N, C-alpha and C. Protein backbone atom coordinates (compact mmCIF):
# COMPACT_ATOMS: atom_id res chain seq x y z
N UNK A 1 1.15 -0.71 -0.04
CA UNK A 1 0.01 0.00 -0.38
C UNK A 1 0.52 1.66 -0.07
N UNK A 2 0.51 2.17 -0.73
CA UNK A 2 1.46 3.16 -1.08
C UNK A 2 1.34 4.28 0.64
N UNK A 3 2.27 4.72 1.15
CA UNK A 3 2.87 5.07 2.71
C UNK A 3 1.78 6.17 2.82
N UNK A 4 1.04 7.44 1.85
CA UNK A 4 0.33 7.97 2.69
C UNK A 4 -1.30 7.23 2.83
N UNK A 5 -1.34 6.37 2.33
CA UNK A 5 -2.69 6.03 2.26
C UNK A 5 -2.74 4.94 3.62
N UNK A 6 -1.82 4.31 3.90
CA UNK A 6 -1.56 3.10 4.84
C UNK A 6 -1.35 4.36 6.72
N UNK A 7 -0.64 5.74 6.20
CA UNK A 7 -1.07 6.77 7.87
C UNK A 7 -1.95 7.35 7.25
N UNK A 8 -2.89 7.88 6.38
CA UNK A 8 -3.91 7.91 6.75
C UNK A 8 -4.90 7.01 7.35
N UNK A 9 -4.88 6.02 6.99
CA UNK A 9 -5.82 4.45 7.06
C UNK A 9 -5.47 4.60 8.88
N UNK A 10 -3.96 4.39 8.98
CA UNK A 10 -3.91 4.47 10.94
C UNK A 10 -4.10 5.61 11.53
N UNK A 11 -4.31 6.56 11.10
CA UNK A 11 -5.12 7.83 11.41
C UNK A 11 -6.55 7.76 11.51
N UNK A 12 -7.00 7.42 10.97
CA UNK A 12 -8.07 7.39 10.84
C UNK A 12 -8.89 6.40 11.80
N UNK A 13 -8.24 4.94 11.88
CA UNK A 13 -8.99 3.71 12.64
C UNK A 13 -8.34 3.64 14.57
N UNK A 14 -7.07 5.30 14.23
CA UNK A 14 -6.99 5.59 15.52
C UNK A 14 -7.89 6.93 16.19
N UNK A 15 -8.15 7.66 15.51
CA UNK A 15 -8.99 8.21 16.16
C UNK A 15 -10.94 7.25 15.67
N UNK A 16 -10.73 6.83 15.12
CA UNK A 16 -12.29 6.27 15.32
C UNK A 16 -12.26 4.84 16.23
N UNK A 17 -11.51 4.92 16.94
CA UNK A 17 -11.31 3.47 18.36
C UNK A 17 -11.65 5.13 19.46
N UNK A 18 -11.20 5.89 19.19
CA UNK A 18 -11.06 7.26 20.23
C UNK A 18 -13.10 7.38 20.50
N UNK A 19 -13.62 7.65 19.20
CA UNK A 19 -15.01 7.82 19.49
C UNK A 19 -15.96 6.54 19.35
N UNK A 20 -15.36 5.62 19.39
CA UNK A 20 -16.22 4.36 19.16
C UNK A 20 -16.20 4.15 20.95
N UNK A 21 -15.13 4.75 21.57
CA UNK A 21 -15.27 4.30 23.39
C UNK A 21 -15.80 5.53 24.00
N UNK A 22 -16.09 6.56 22.91
CA UNK A 22 -17.51 7.64 24.16
C UNK A 22 -18.64 7.29 24.05
N UNK A 23 -18.92 7.49 25.18
CA UNK A 23 -20.23 7.10 25.25
C UNK A 23 -21.17 8.19 24.15
N UNK A 24 -22.29 6.99 24.05
CA UNK A 24 -23.16 7.04 22.61
C UNK A 24 -24.24 8.62 23.11
N UNK A 25 -24.23 8.63 24.02
CA UNK A 25 -25.86 9.43 24.24
C UNK A 25 -25.57 9.98 26.04
N UNK A 26 -25.36 11.13 25.99
CA UNK A 26 -25.12 11.49 27.17
C UNK A 26 -26.44 11.47 28.04
N UNK A 27 -25.63 10.03 29.37
CA UNK A 27 -27.06 9.97 30.37
C UNK A 27 -27.57 8.45 30.39
N UNK A 28 -27.09 7.92 28.97
CA UNK A 28 -27.27 6.43 28.69
C UNK A 28 -26.93 5.19 29.67
N UNK A 29 -26.89 5.53 31.00
CA UNK A 29 -26.02 4.43 32.27
C UNK A 29 -24.98 4.80 31.95
N UNK A 30 -23.99 4.54 31.11
CA UNK A 30 -22.41 4.14 31.20
C UNK A 30 -21.79 6.01 32.02
N UNK A 31 -20.95 5.96 32.90
CA UNK A 31 -20.85 7.09 33.32
C UNK A 31 -19.28 7.97 32.24
N UNK A 32 -19.04 9.26 31.95
CA UNK A 32 -17.80 9.43 30.99
C UNK A 32 -17.25 9.45 31.42
N UNK A 33 -15.77 8.90 30.32
CA UNK A 33 -14.78 8.08 31.13
C UNK A 33 -14.17 9.62 31.66
N UNK A 34 -13.07 9.19 32.76
CA UNK A 34 -12.10 10.16 33.04
C UNK A 34 -11.83 11.13 32.31
N UNK A 35 -10.88 11.94 33.19
CA UNK A 35 -10.43 12.68 32.47
C UNK A 35 -8.19 12.91 32.20
N UNK A 36 -8.15 13.32 31.58
CA UNK A 36 -6.64 12.71 30.76
C UNK A 36 -6.03 12.51 32.20
N UNK A 37 -5.85 13.58 33.18
CA UNK A 37 -5.44 13.48 33.98
C UNK A 37 -5.10 12.28 35.19
N UNK A 38 -6.91 12.17 35.37
CA UNK A 38 -7.62 10.93 36.15
C UNK A 38 -6.98 9.47 35.73
N UNK A 39 -6.80 9.63 34.37
CA UNK A 39 -6.86 7.81 34.37
C UNK A 39 -5.31 7.37 35.05
N UNK A 40 -4.79 6.24 35.39
CA UNK A 40 -3.54 5.83 36.34
C UNK A 40 -2.57 5.62 35.20
N UNK A 41 -2.04 5.78 35.19
CA UNK A 41 -0.27 5.41 34.37
C UNK A 41 0.29 4.04 35.26
N UNK A 42 1.39 3.72 34.82
CA UNK A 42 1.67 2.72 34.77
C UNK A 42 3.10 3.25 35.36
N UNK A 43 4.06 2.51 35.89
CA UNK A 43 5.27 3.37 36.14
C UNK A 43 6.46 2.98 35.08
N UNK A 44 7.03 4.49 34.79
CA UNK A 44 8.20 3.59 33.27
C UNK A 44 8.22 4.99 33.13
N UNK A 45 8.98 5.10 32.49
CA UNK A 45 9.86 5.99 31.66
C UNK A 45 9.70 6.30 30.67
N UNK A 46 9.08 5.41 29.03
CA UNK A 46 9.05 5.55 27.90
C UNK A 46 7.92 6.50 27.28
N UNK A 47 8.26 7.53 26.08
CA UNK A 47 7.58 8.73 25.70
C UNK A 47 7.62 8.11 24.28
N UNK A 48 7.06 9.16 24.21
CA UNK A 48 6.78 8.35 22.24
C UNK A 48 7.35 8.92 21.43
N UNK A 49 8.16 10.41 22.80
CA UNK A 49 9.89 10.66 21.92
C UNK A 49 10.73 10.05 21.89
N UNK A 50 10.96 9.35 22.50
CA UNK A 50 11.84 7.83 23.29
C UNK A 50 11.58 6.58 21.56
N UNK A 51 9.82 6.33 21.26
CA UNK A 51 9.76 5.68 20.80
C UNK A 51 10.01 5.78 18.97
N UNK A 52 10.37 7.48 18.90
CA UNK A 52 10.03 7.52 18.21
C UNK A 52 11.05 8.03 16.96
N UNK A 53 12.79 8.05 18.15
CA UNK A 53 13.89 8.09 17.93
C UNK A 53 13.98 6.16 17.83
N UNK A 54 14.05 5.28 18.79
CA UNK A 54 14.14 3.71 17.70
C UNK A 54 13.42 3.61 16.74
N UNK A 55 11.72 4.16 16.47
CA UNK A 55 11.82 4.12 15.22
C UNK A 55 12.93 4.51 13.76
N UNK A 56 13.27 6.12 14.11
CA UNK A 56 13.69 6.35 13.33
C UNK A 56 15.24 5.53 13.31
N UNK A 57 16.07 4.59 13.44
CA UNK A 57 17.17 3.80 14.19
C UNK A 57 16.60 2.63 12.97
N UNK A 58 15.65 2.20 13.37
CA UNK A 58 14.90 1.03 12.23
C UNK A 58 15.01 2.13 10.62
N UNK A 59 14.15 2.68 10.71
CA UNK A 59 14.47 3.89 8.70
C UNK A 59 14.82 4.75 8.95
N UNK A 60 15.48 5.20 8.59
CA UNK A 60 15.71 6.81 8.73
C UNK A 60 14.71 7.71 7.80
N UNK A 61 13.99 6.86 7.02
CA UNK A 61 13.10 7.56 6.17
C UNK A 61 11.51 7.66 7.02
N UNK A 62 11.70 6.94 7.85
CA UNK A 62 10.15 6.65 8.87
C UNK A 62 9.32 8.87 8.44
N UNK A 63 8.14 8.76 8.33
CA UNK A 63 7.60 10.02 8.54
C UNK A 63 6.67 9.99 9.46
N UNK A 64 7.14 10.99 10.40
CA UNK A 64 6.42 10.82 12.38
C UNK A 64 6.01 12.81 12.11
N UNK A 65 4.62 12.24 12.00
CA UNK A 65 3.91 13.63 12.69
C UNK A 65 2.45 12.86 13.68
N UNK A 66 3.37 14.55 14.60
CA UNK A 66 1.98 14.42 15.86
C UNK A 66 2.24 12.95 16.72
N UNK A 67 1.23 12.39 16.70
CA UNK A 67 1.19 10.34 17.47
C UNK A 67 1.13 9.45 16.82
N UNK A 68 1.60 9.98 15.49
CA UNK A 68 1.77 9.35 14.79
C UNK A 68 2.83 8.81 14.10
N UNK A 69 3.89 7.49 13.69
CA UNK A 69 5.33 6.75 12.88
C UNK A 69 4.58 6.64 11.82
N UNK A 70 4.84 6.44 10.88
CA UNK A 70 4.80 5.64 9.43
C UNK A 70 6.55 5.13 8.98
N UNK A 71 6.78 4.23 9.58
CA UNK A 71 7.83 3.35 8.62
C UNK A 71 7.82 2.10 8.55
N UNK A 72 8.85 1.40 7.48
CA UNK A 72 8.97 0.15 7.07
C UNK A 72 9.90 -0.40 7.56
N UNK A 73 9.85 -1.79 7.97
CA UNK A 73 11.06 -3.20 8.55
C UNK A 73 10.67 -3.93 6.91
N UNK A 74 11.49 -4.34 6.65
CA UNK A 74 11.73 -5.23 5.83
C UNK A 74 10.44 -5.38 4.49
N UNK A 75 10.90 -4.02 3.82
CA UNK A 75 9.64 -3.77 3.35
C UNK A 75 8.25 -3.79 3.38
N UNK A 76 8.13 -4.05 4.82
CA UNK A 76 6.60 -3.90 4.70
C UNK A 76 6.02 -2.89 5.66
N UNK A 77 4.98 -2.14 5.39
CA UNK A 77 4.42 -0.80 6.21
C UNK A 77 4.59 -0.89 7.84
N UNK A 78 4.83 -0.09 8.52
CA UNK A 78 4.60 -0.25 9.92
C UNK A 78 3.93 1.25 10.62
N UNK A 79 2.66 0.50 11.40
CA UNK A 79 2.33 2.34 11.77
C UNK A 79 2.73 2.09 13.83
N UNK A 80 3.43 3.59 14.18
CA UNK A 80 3.05 3.41 15.17
C UNK A 80 1.90 4.24 15.74
N UNK A 81 1.50 4.36 17.38
CA UNK A 81 0.15 5.52 16.96
C UNK A 81 0.43 5.14 19.22
N UNK A 82 0.88 6.88 19.57
CA UNK A 82 0.94 6.42 21.17
C UNK A 82 0.26 7.88 21.33
N UNK A 83 -0.51 7.45 22.73
CA UNK A 83 -0.76 8.31 23.24
C UNK A 83 -0.67 8.74 24.40
N UNK A 84 0.21 9.57 25.46
CA UNK A 84 1.24 9.71 26.47
C UNK A 84 -0.14 10.10 27.65
N UNK A 85 -1.17 11.46 27.00
CA UNK A 85 -2.50 11.42 28.22
C UNK A 85 -2.67 9.46 28.88
N UNK A 86 -2.98 8.81 27.97
CA UNK A 86 -3.40 7.99 28.14
C UNK A 86 -2.41 7.00 28.39
N UNK A 87 -1.23 6.82 28.41
CA UNK A 87 0.30 6.43 28.74
C UNK A 87 -0.09 4.69 27.93
N UNK A 88 -1.08 5.24 26.67
CA UNK A 88 -0.90 3.76 25.43
C UNK A 88 -0.23 3.95 24.51
N UNK A 89 0.60 2.64 23.33
CA UNK A 89 0.82 2.49 22.29
C UNK A 89 0.26 1.57 21.64
N UNK A 90 0.26 1.82 20.20
CA UNK A 90 0.26 0.29 19.55
C UNK A 90 1.62 0.63 18.21
N UNK A 91 1.44 -0.95 17.52
CA UNK A 91 2.42 -0.66 16.08
C UNK A 91 1.33 -1.55 15.41
N UNK A 92 1.32 -1.70 14.62
CA UNK A 92 -0.05 -2.28 13.51
C UNK A 92 0.88 -1.90 12.20
N UNK A 93 0.71 -3.06 11.82
CA UNK A 93 0.79 -3.43 9.63
C UNK A 93 -1.26 -3.57 8.99
N UNK A 94 -0.63 -2.77 8.15
CA UNK A 94 -2.49 -3.35 7.12
C UNK A 94 -1.39 -4.82 6.57
N UNK A 95 -2.90 -5.87 6.87
CA UNK A 95 -2.43 -7.52 6.22
C UNK A 95 -2.78 -6.99 4.83
N UNK A 96 -4.43 -7.52 5.32
CA UNK A 96 -5.22 -7.22 3.49
C UNK A 96 -6.66 -7.24 4.00
N UNK A 97 -7.16 -6.71 3.00
CA UNK A 97 -9.42 -5.80 3.38
C UNK A 97 -10.07 -7.43 3.87
N UNK A 98 -10.56 -7.19 4.39
CA UNK A 98 -11.09 -7.98 5.42
C UNK A 98 -12.45 -8.86 4.25
N UNK A 99 -12.73 -7.82 3.35
CA UNK A 99 -13.57 -8.62 2.20
C UNK A 99 -12.88 -9.61 1.01
N UNK A 100 -11.77 -9.52 1.65
CA UNK A 100 -11.00 -10.87 0.68
C UNK A 100 -10.87 -12.21 1.47
N UNK A 101 -11.75 -12.53 2.45
CA UNK A 101 -11.44 -13.43 3.18
C UNK A 101 -12.46 -14.53 3.30
N UNK A 102 -12.46 -15.89 3.14
CA UNK A 102 -13.30 -16.04 3.65
C UNK A 102 -13.44 -17.01 4.59
N UNK A 103 -14.99 -17.68 5.28
CA UNK A 103 -14.70 -17.76 5.99
C UNK A 103 -13.52 -19.23 7.09
N UNK A 104 -12.95 -19.51 6.66
CA UNK A 104 -12.21 -20.56 6.95
C UNK A 104 -11.28 -20.22 7.09
N UNK A 105 -10.50 -18.72 6.71
CA UNK A 105 -9.11 -18.10 6.59
C UNK A 105 -9.26 -17.07 8.00
N UNK A 106 -11.27 -16.53 8.59
CA UNK A 106 -11.06 -15.97 9.70
C UNK A 106 -10.95 -16.74 10.73
N UNK A 107 -11.35 -17.90 10.62
CA UNK A 107 -11.88 -19.13 11.53
C UNK A 107 -9.96 -19.24 11.88
N UNK A 108 -9.21 -19.06 11.29
CA UNK A 108 -8.04 -19.49 11.33
C UNK A 108 -6.70 -18.68 11.71
N UNK A 109 -7.40 -17.08 11.42
CA UNK A 109 -6.92 -16.01 12.58
C UNK A 109 -6.78 -16.57 13.58
N UNK A 110 -8.62 -16.47 14.24
CA UNK A 110 -8.83 -15.97 15.27
C UNK A 110 -7.72 -17.26 16.23
N UNK A 111 -7.85 -18.60 15.94
CA UNK A 111 -7.68 -19.77 16.25
C UNK A 111 -5.48 -19.23 16.81
N UNK A 112 -5.27 -18.78 15.63
CA UNK A 112 -3.49 -18.19 15.88
C UNK A 112 -3.87 -17.32 17.04
N UNK A 113 -4.67 -15.96 17.36
CA UNK A 113 -4.82 -15.36 18.13
C UNK A 113 -5.35 -15.71 19.58
N UNK A 114 -5.36 -16.69 19.38
CA UNK A 114 -5.55 -18.16 21.11
C UNK A 114 -4.59 -17.84 21.20
N UNK A 115 -2.89 -18.72 20.49
CA UNK A 115 -1.50 -18.98 20.80
C UNK A 115 -0.29 -19.66 20.08
N UNK A 116 -0.91 -19.06 18.94
CA UNK A 116 0.02 -18.31 17.79
C UNK A 116 0.88 -17.48 17.40
N UNK A 117 0.10 -16.17 18.06
CA UNK A 117 0.78 -15.15 17.05
C UNK A 117 0.75 -14.17 18.76
N UNK A 118 0.90 -14.48 20.25
CA UNK A 118 1.46 -13.99 20.96
C UNK A 118 1.21 -12.67 21.76
N UNK A 119 2.06 -12.25 21.91
CA UNK A 119 1.98 -10.41 22.10
C UNK A 119 1.28 -9.91 20.72
N UNK A 120 0.99 -9.86 20.22
CA UNK A 120 0.34 -9.33 18.52
C UNK A 120 -0.22 -10.17 18.22
N UNK A 121 -1.80 -9.67 17.67
CA UNK A 121 -3.29 -9.79 17.09
C UNK A 121 -2.95 -10.14 15.91
N UNK A 122 -4.01 -10.57 15.43
CA UNK A 122 -4.90 -9.98 15.02
C UNK A 122 -5.99 -9.46 14.33
N UNK A 123 -6.39 -8.11 13.98
CA UNK A 123 -7.86 -7.11 14.49
C UNK A 123 -7.83 -6.38 13.19
N UNK A 124 -9.35 -6.18 13.20
CA UNK A 124 -9.83 -5.83 12.26
C UNK A 124 -9.90 -5.05 12.16
N UNK A 125 -10.11 -3.92 11.74
CA UNK A 125 -10.58 -1.72 12.31
C UNK A 125 -10.86 -1.22 10.16
N UNK A 126 -11.68 -1.08 10.15
CA UNK A 126 -12.07 0.03 8.49
C UNK A 126 -12.13 -1.47 7.47
N UNK A 127 -12.71 -2.16 7.42
CA UNK A 127 -12.18 -3.07 6.62
C UNK A 127 -10.26 -4.05 6.21
N UNK A 128 -10.12 -3.58 7.07
CA UNK A 128 -8.46 -4.16 6.99
C UNK A 128 -8.25 -4.98 8.29
N UNK A 129 -8.34 -6.26 8.00
CA UNK A 129 -6.99 -6.92 9.11
C UNK A 129 -5.87 -6.33 9.28
N UNK A 130 -5.48 -6.37 10.45
CA UNK A 130 -3.83 -6.00 10.54
C UNK A 130 -3.46 -6.49 11.80
N UNK A 131 -2.35 -6.56 11.92
CA UNK A 131 -1.71 -6.84 12.18
C UNK A 131 -1.35 -5.86 13.65
N UNK A 132 -1.51 -6.36 15.11
CA UNK A 132 -0.81 -5.34 15.96
C UNK A 132 -0.65 -5.91 17.26
N UNK A 133 0.38 -5.02 17.62
CA UNK A 133 0.53 -5.09 19.08
C UNK A 133 0.25 -4.04 19.72
N UNK A 134 -0.35 -3.98 21.06
CA UNK A 134 -0.65 -2.96 21.99
C UNK A 134 -0.74 -3.51 23.69
N UNK A 135 -0.16 -1.77 23.82
CA UNK A 135 0.76 -2.31 25.14
C UNK A 135 0.70 -0.87 25.75
N UNK A 136 1.20 -0.83 26.94
CA UNK A 136 1.23 0.56 27.98
C UNK A 136 2.30 1.13 27.80
N UNK A 137 2.28 2.10 27.84
CA UNK A 137 3.58 3.08 26.76
C UNK A 137 4.72 3.11 28.43
N UNK A 138 4.75 3.52 28.99
CA UNK A 138 5.62 4.24 30.14
C UNK A 138 6.64 2.67 30.79
N UNK A 139 6.15 1.64 30.97
CA UNK A 139 6.50 0.18 31.47
C UNK A 139 7.68 -0.49 29.51
N UNK A 140 7.39 0.71 28.38
CA UNK A 140 8.15 -0.41 27.21
C UNK A 140 9.32 0.24 27.36
N UNK A 141 10.17 -1.42 27.19
CA UNK A 141 11.66 -1.07 26.97
C UNK A 141 12.26 -1.20 25.89
N UNK A 142 13.29 -1.10 25.18
CA UNK A 142 13.62 -0.80 24.15
C UNK A 142 13.73 -2.84 23.05
N UNK A 143 13.94 -3.24 24.34
CA UNK A 143 13.80 -5.11 23.85
C UNK A 143 12.62 -5.21 23.87
N UNK A 144 11.30 -4.81 24.30
CA UNK A 144 10.45 -5.27 24.23
C UNK A 144 9.99 -4.10 22.86
N UNK A 145 10.31 -3.14 22.62
CA UNK A 145 9.51 -2.60 21.12
C UNK A 145 10.31 -3.18 19.76
N UNK A 146 11.36 -3.59 20.53
CA UNK A 146 12.34 -4.38 19.67
C UNK A 146 11.65 -5.92 19.16
N UNK A 147 11.53 -5.81 20.04
CA UNK A 147 10.33 -8.23 19.96
C UNK A 147 8.63 -7.04 19.37
N UNK A 148 8.33 -6.39 19.91
CA UNK A 148 6.60 -5.81 19.47
C UNK A 148 6.73 -5.45 17.75
N UNK A 149 7.92 -5.13 17.05
CA UNK A 149 7.93 -4.65 15.64
C UNK A 149 8.54 -6.57 15.20
N UNK A 150 8.77 -6.53 15.09
CA UNK A 150 9.12 -8.02 15.26
C UNK A 150 8.07 -8.89 15.27
N UNK A 151 7.54 -8.81 16.29
CA UNK A 151 6.40 -10.05 15.87
C UNK A 151 5.08 -9.51 15.31
N UNK A 152 4.98 -8.10 15.24
CA UNK A 152 3.77 -7.47 13.89
C UNK A 152 4.21 -7.88 13.14
N UNK A 153 5.78 -7.62 12.76
CA UNK A 153 5.71 -8.33 10.79
C UNK A 153 6.44 -9.51 11.04
N UNK A 154 6.20 -10.82 11.90
CA UNK A 154 5.84 -12.07 11.29
C UNK A 154 4.88 -11.89 11.80
N UNK A 155 3.99 -11.95 12.02
CA UNK A 155 2.64 -12.24 12.35
C UNK A 155 1.02 -11.70 10.78
N UNK A 156 2.37 -9.78 10.45
CA UNK A 156 1.61 -10.29 8.90
C UNK A 156 1.83 -10.93 7.64
N UNK A 157 3.03 -11.13 8.07
CA UNK A 157 4.64 -12.22 6.57
C UNK A 157 3.90 -13.43 6.54
N UNK A 158 2.88 -13.96 7.91
CA UNK A 158 2.91 -14.89 7.81
C UNK A 158 2.05 -15.46 7.84
N UNK A 159 0.65 -14.47 7.48
CA UNK A 159 -0.91 -14.52 7.63
C UNK A 159 -1.21 -15.72 5.84
N UNK A 160 -2.10 -16.15 6.57
CA UNK A 160 -2.61 -16.73 5.27
C UNK A 160 -1.64 -18.58 5.01
N UNK A 161 -0.51 -18.60 5.92
CA UNK A 161 0.96 -19.30 6.32
C UNK A 161 0.75 -19.81 7.25
N UNK A 162 1.30 -19.51 7.98
CA UNK A 162 1.62 -20.12 9.69
C UNK A 162 0.70 -19.12 10.42
N UNK A 163 0.39 -18.34 10.25
CA UNK A 163 -0.31 -17.17 11.56
C UNK A 163 0.67 -17.47 12.73
N UNK A 164 1.59 -16.91 12.28
CA UNK A 164 2.43 -17.02 14.13
C UNK A 164 3.19 -15.46 13.93
N UNK A 165 3.76 -15.10 14.94
CA UNK A 165 4.62 -14.33 15.29
C UNK A 165 5.94 -14.50 15.75
N UNK A 166 6.21 -15.20 15.45
CA UNK A 166 7.60 -16.01 16.02
C UNK A 166 7.60 -17.63 15.73
N UNK A 167 8.80 -17.81 16.63
CA UNK A 167 8.90 -19.52 16.84
C UNK A 167 8.29 -20.17 18.08
N UNK A 168 7.16 -19.25 18.53
CA UNK A 168 7.01 -19.70 19.85
C UNK A 168 5.34 -19.78 19.35
N UNK A 169 5.08 -21.44 20.21
CA UNK A 169 3.37 -21.30 19.87
C UNK A 169 3.22 -21.39 21.55
N UNK A 170 1.88 -21.35 21.63
CA UNK A 170 1.99 -20.97 23.35
C UNK A 170 1.64 -22.67 23.88
N UNK A 171 0.14 -22.80 23.00
CA UNK A 171 -0.25 -24.19 23.54
C UNK A 171 -2.04 -23.81 23.94
N UNK A 172 -2.81 -25.27 23.36
CA UNK A 172 -3.77 -25.28 24.34
C UNK A 172 -4.63 -24.69 23.24
N UNK A 173 -4.20 -24.73 22.03
CA UNK A 173 -5.32 -24.44 20.75
C UNK A 173 -5.28 -24.58 19.85
N UNK A 174 -5.43 -24.40 18.77
CA UNK A 174 -5.19 -25.11 17.20
C UNK A 174 -4.64 -24.73 16.29
N UNK A 175 -3.25 -24.31 16.86
CA UNK A 175 -2.53 -23.98 16.22
C UNK A 175 -1.45 -25.47 15.65
N UNK A 176 -1.06 -25.98 16.63
CA UNK A 176 -0.36 -27.20 16.49
C UNK A 176 -1.30 -28.09 15.69
N UNK A 177 -2.02 -28.55 15.85
CA UNK A 177 -3.09 -29.61 15.04
C UNK A 177 -2.85 -28.41 13.74
N UNK A 178 -3.01 -27.86 13.45
CA UNK A 178 -3.04 -26.84 11.95
C UNK A 178 -1.91 -27.14 11.01
N UNK A 179 -0.65 -27.14 11.74
CA UNK A 179 0.63 -26.84 11.26
C UNK A 179 0.72 -28.59 10.94
N UNK A 180 0.62 -29.33 12.24
CA UNK A 180 0.48 -30.88 11.27
C UNK A 180 0.15 -31.29 10.21
N UNK A 181 -1.48 -30.75 9.84
CA UNK A 181 -1.95 -30.69 8.78
C UNK A 181 -1.25 -30.49 7.48
N UNK A 182 -0.60 -28.70 7.55
CA UNK A 182 0.09 -28.26 6.86
C UNK A 182 1.08 -29.00 6.48
N UNK A 183 2.04 -30.07 7.33
CA UNK A 183 2.78 -30.63 7.17
C UNK A 183 2.59 -32.20 6.01
N UNK A 184 1.47 -32.80 6.89
CA UNK A 184 1.03 -34.10 6.16
C UNK A 184 0.90 -33.33 4.37
N UNK A 185 0.06 -32.64 4.03
CA UNK A 185 -0.36 -31.97 3.57
C UNK A 185 1.38 -31.54 1.97
N UNK A 186 1.97 -30.91 2.84
CA UNK A 186 3.23 -30.74 2.06
C UNK A 186 4.33 -32.16 1.66
N UNK A 187 3.53 -32.97 2.54
CA UNK A 187 4.67 -34.46 2.57
C UNK A 187 4.08 -34.92 1.16
N UNK A 188 2.87 -34.52 1.28
CA UNK A 188 1.20 -35.57 0.49
C UNK A 188 2.61 -34.97 -0.84
N UNK A 189 2.63 -33.93 -0.88
CA UNK A 189 2.37 -33.12 -2.29
C UNK A 189 3.97 -33.04 -2.80
N UNK A 190 4.98 -33.83 -2.28
CA UNK A 190 6.50 -33.56 -2.63
C UNK A 190 7.17 -34.86 -2.40
N UNK A 191 5.98 -35.62 -1.48
CA UNK A 191 6.62 -37.45 -1.96
C UNK A 191 7.00 -37.68 -3.06
N UNK A 192 7.95 -38.80 -3.75
CA UNK A 192 7.75 -38.65 -4.79
C UNK A 192 6.64 -40.69 -5.19
N UNK A 193 6.76 -40.41 -7.24
CA UNK A 193 5.04 -40.85 -7.42
C UNK A 193 6.14 -42.43 -7.43
N UNK A 194 5.64 -43.55 -7.48
CA UNK A 194 6.78 -44.92 -8.09
C UNK A 194 5.42 -46.03 -8.35
């Protein structure tokens, strides 16, 4: 996708989340969200400026505007969005349009969310499947940031095949069985015909 389109989609997605979390109508049985000054922040020193410094080390051509950074890793577009006041951040990468998916792919994506994509997740926003990592901002450190970027990249790159964010599979889900089916199919296709 064009970098400007991805940046726009990321900003729209982020702003849409903020609007979706607001009460639909005043006094509809929901208390309004606390002011940003009352949001409990976790301990830690990471800031958006600190994240943006790390992004620039990964991609000197990164585009940073406001609380959004768009950068490339291994030729793949990634977007970092953060909120200093809420103490939250996310790294995401567009994967595929939702309307291009069949039910089996959607099911496999959700199975992988349970046991194979670990800290990253597959999520849907604005008609796009995203590989996304969401985390509190202040306690994030450099190693966690690097791991998050790697997991988002790998989860996006393996969508449609291994559906994983790295080498580990947590277990207790369907991914090991799905990988065994995939290996069996490969063995059957590659076995010599006698």
